[in-house]
Structure formats: structure tokens, C-alpha cells
Amino acid sequence: MAKKVVASLQKGGGKEHTKVIKMSKSDKTGGYGFKSEIVHNDKVKEWFDKN
């Protein structure tokens, strides 16, 4: 699936976007979870601050 997303972003303005992944630890279970999203390059820092 990742290849399909990357291939579709190469058309047009795809280089203006970045896939961001943030890891977080659950307080209840102690396990780790991941949040991922494709964000515009200008909004990457804001996304990490928000999430």
C-alpha cells in the first residue's frame, strides 16, 4: 500500500507533501501505537505539536 501512496504523490505537486509518523505509548497497556498522515511540508511541525 505504501508504494501506491508514494507513486501517486510523485505526480504533480507530490514533492510538497511528507508522510509523518508519530509513536505514542499507552498508559493503560504499556504498548505502543502509531499515527501516520500525509501532510504538506509547511505543516509538519504543526502536526507534531498538535498530535
C-alpha atoms as a PDB file:
ATOM      1  CA  MET A   1       0.000   0.000   0.000  1.00  0.00           C
ATOM      2  CA  ALA A   2       2.834   2.386   0.767  1.00  0.00           C
ATOM      3  CA  LYS A   3       4.185   2.019  -2.742  1.00  0.00           C
ATOM      4  CA  LYS A   4       0.829   3.024  -4.175  1.00  0.00           C
ATOM      5  CA  VAL A   5       0.687   6.143  -1.982  1.00  0.00           C
ATOM      6  CA  VAL A   6       4.244   7.148  -2.860  1.00  0.00           C
ATOM      7  CA  ALA A   7       3.673   6.537  -6.574  1.00  0.00           C
ATOM      8  CA  SER A   8       0.526   8.657  -6.604  1.00  0.00           C
ATOM      9  CA  LEU A   9       2.304  11.518  -4.811  1.00  0.00           C
ATOM     10  CA  GLN A  10       5.039  11.672  -7.456  1.00  0.00           C
ATOM     11  CA  LYS A  11       2.560  13.102  -9.962  1.00  0.00           C
ATOM     12  CA  GLY A  12       2.152  16.858  -9.884  1.00  0.00           C
ATOM     13  CA  GLY A  13       2.868  18.523  -6.536  1.00  0.00           C
ATOM     14  CA  GLY A  14       3.590  15.350  -4.576  1.00  0.00           C
ATOM     15  CA  LYS A  15       7.048  16.503  -3.544  1.00  0.00           C
ATOM     16  CA  GLU A  16       5.390  19.204  -1.452  1.00  0.00           C
ATOM     17  CA  HIS A  17       3.987  16.557   0.915  1.00  0.00           C
ATOM     18  CA  THR A  18       5.582  14.375   3.593  1.00  0.00           C
ATOM     19  CA  LYS A  19       4.362  11.230   5.314  1.00  0.00           C
ATOM     20  CA  VAL A  20       4.703  11.775   9.066  1.00  0.00           C
ATOM     21  CA  ILE A  21       4.593   9.019  11.684  1.00  0.00           C
ATOM     22  CA  LYS A  22       4.413   9.591  15.429  1.00  0.00           C
ATOM     23  CA  MET A  23       4.780   6.873  18.059  1.00  0.00           C
ATOM     24  CA  SER A  24       2.916   7.099  21.371  1.00  0.00           C
ATOM     25  CA  LYS A  25       2.905   4.837  24.432  1.00  0.00           C
ATOM     26  CA  SER A  26      -0.377   3.778  26.028  1.00  0.00           C
ATOM     27  CA  ASP A  27      -0.592   4.383  29.777  1.00  0.00           C
ATOM     28  CA  LYS A  28      -3.067   1.510  30.268  1.00  0.00           C
ATOM     29  CA  THR A  29      -1.356  -1.324  28.410  1.00  0.00           C
ATOM     30  CA  GLY A  30       2.202  -0.069  28.047  1.00  0.00           C
ATOM     31  CA  GLY A  31       2.040  -0.851  24.325  1.00  0.00           C
ATOM     32  CA  TYR A  32       2.957   1.475  21.518  1.00  0.00           C
ATOM     33  CA  GLY A  33       0.677   2.912  18.862  1.00  0.00           C
ATOM     34  CA  PHE A  34       1.422   4.810  15.705  1.00  0.00           C
ATOM     35  CA  LYS A  35      -0.332   7.715  13.997  1.00  0.00           C
ATOM     36  CA  SER A  36       0.527   8.414  10.382  1.00  0.00           C
ATOM     37  CA  GLU A  37      -0.705  11.001   7.935  1.00  0.00           C
ATOM     38  CA  ILE A  38       0.391  12.739   4.753  1.00  0.00           C
ATOM     39  CA  VAL A  39       0.891  16.435   5.450  1.00  0.00           C
ATOM     40  CA  HIS A  40       2.055  19.436   3.435  1.00  0.00           C
ATOM     41  CA  ASN A  41       5.719  20.284   4.087  1.00  0.00           C
ATOM     42  CA  ASP A  42       4.801  23.634   5.646  1.00  0.00           C
ATOM     43  CA  LYS A  43       2.515  21.969   8.217  1.00  0.00           C
ATOM     44  CA  VAL A  44       4.815  19.177   9.510  1.00  0.00           C
ATOM     45  CA  LYS A  45       5.927  20.981  12.684  1.00  0.00           C
ATOM     46  CA  GLU A  46       2.339  21.986  13.465  1.00  0.00           C
ATOM     47  CA  TRP A  47       1.179  18.384  13.060  1.00  0.00           C
ATOM     48  CA  PHE A  48       3.729  17.094  15.569  1.00  0.00           C
ATOM     49  CA  ASP A  49       2.846  19.864  18.035  1.00  0.00           C
ATOM     50  CA  LYS A  50      -0.867  19.096  17.709  1.00  0.00           C
ATOM     51  CA  ASN A  51      -0.658  15.287  17.977  1.00  0.00           C
END
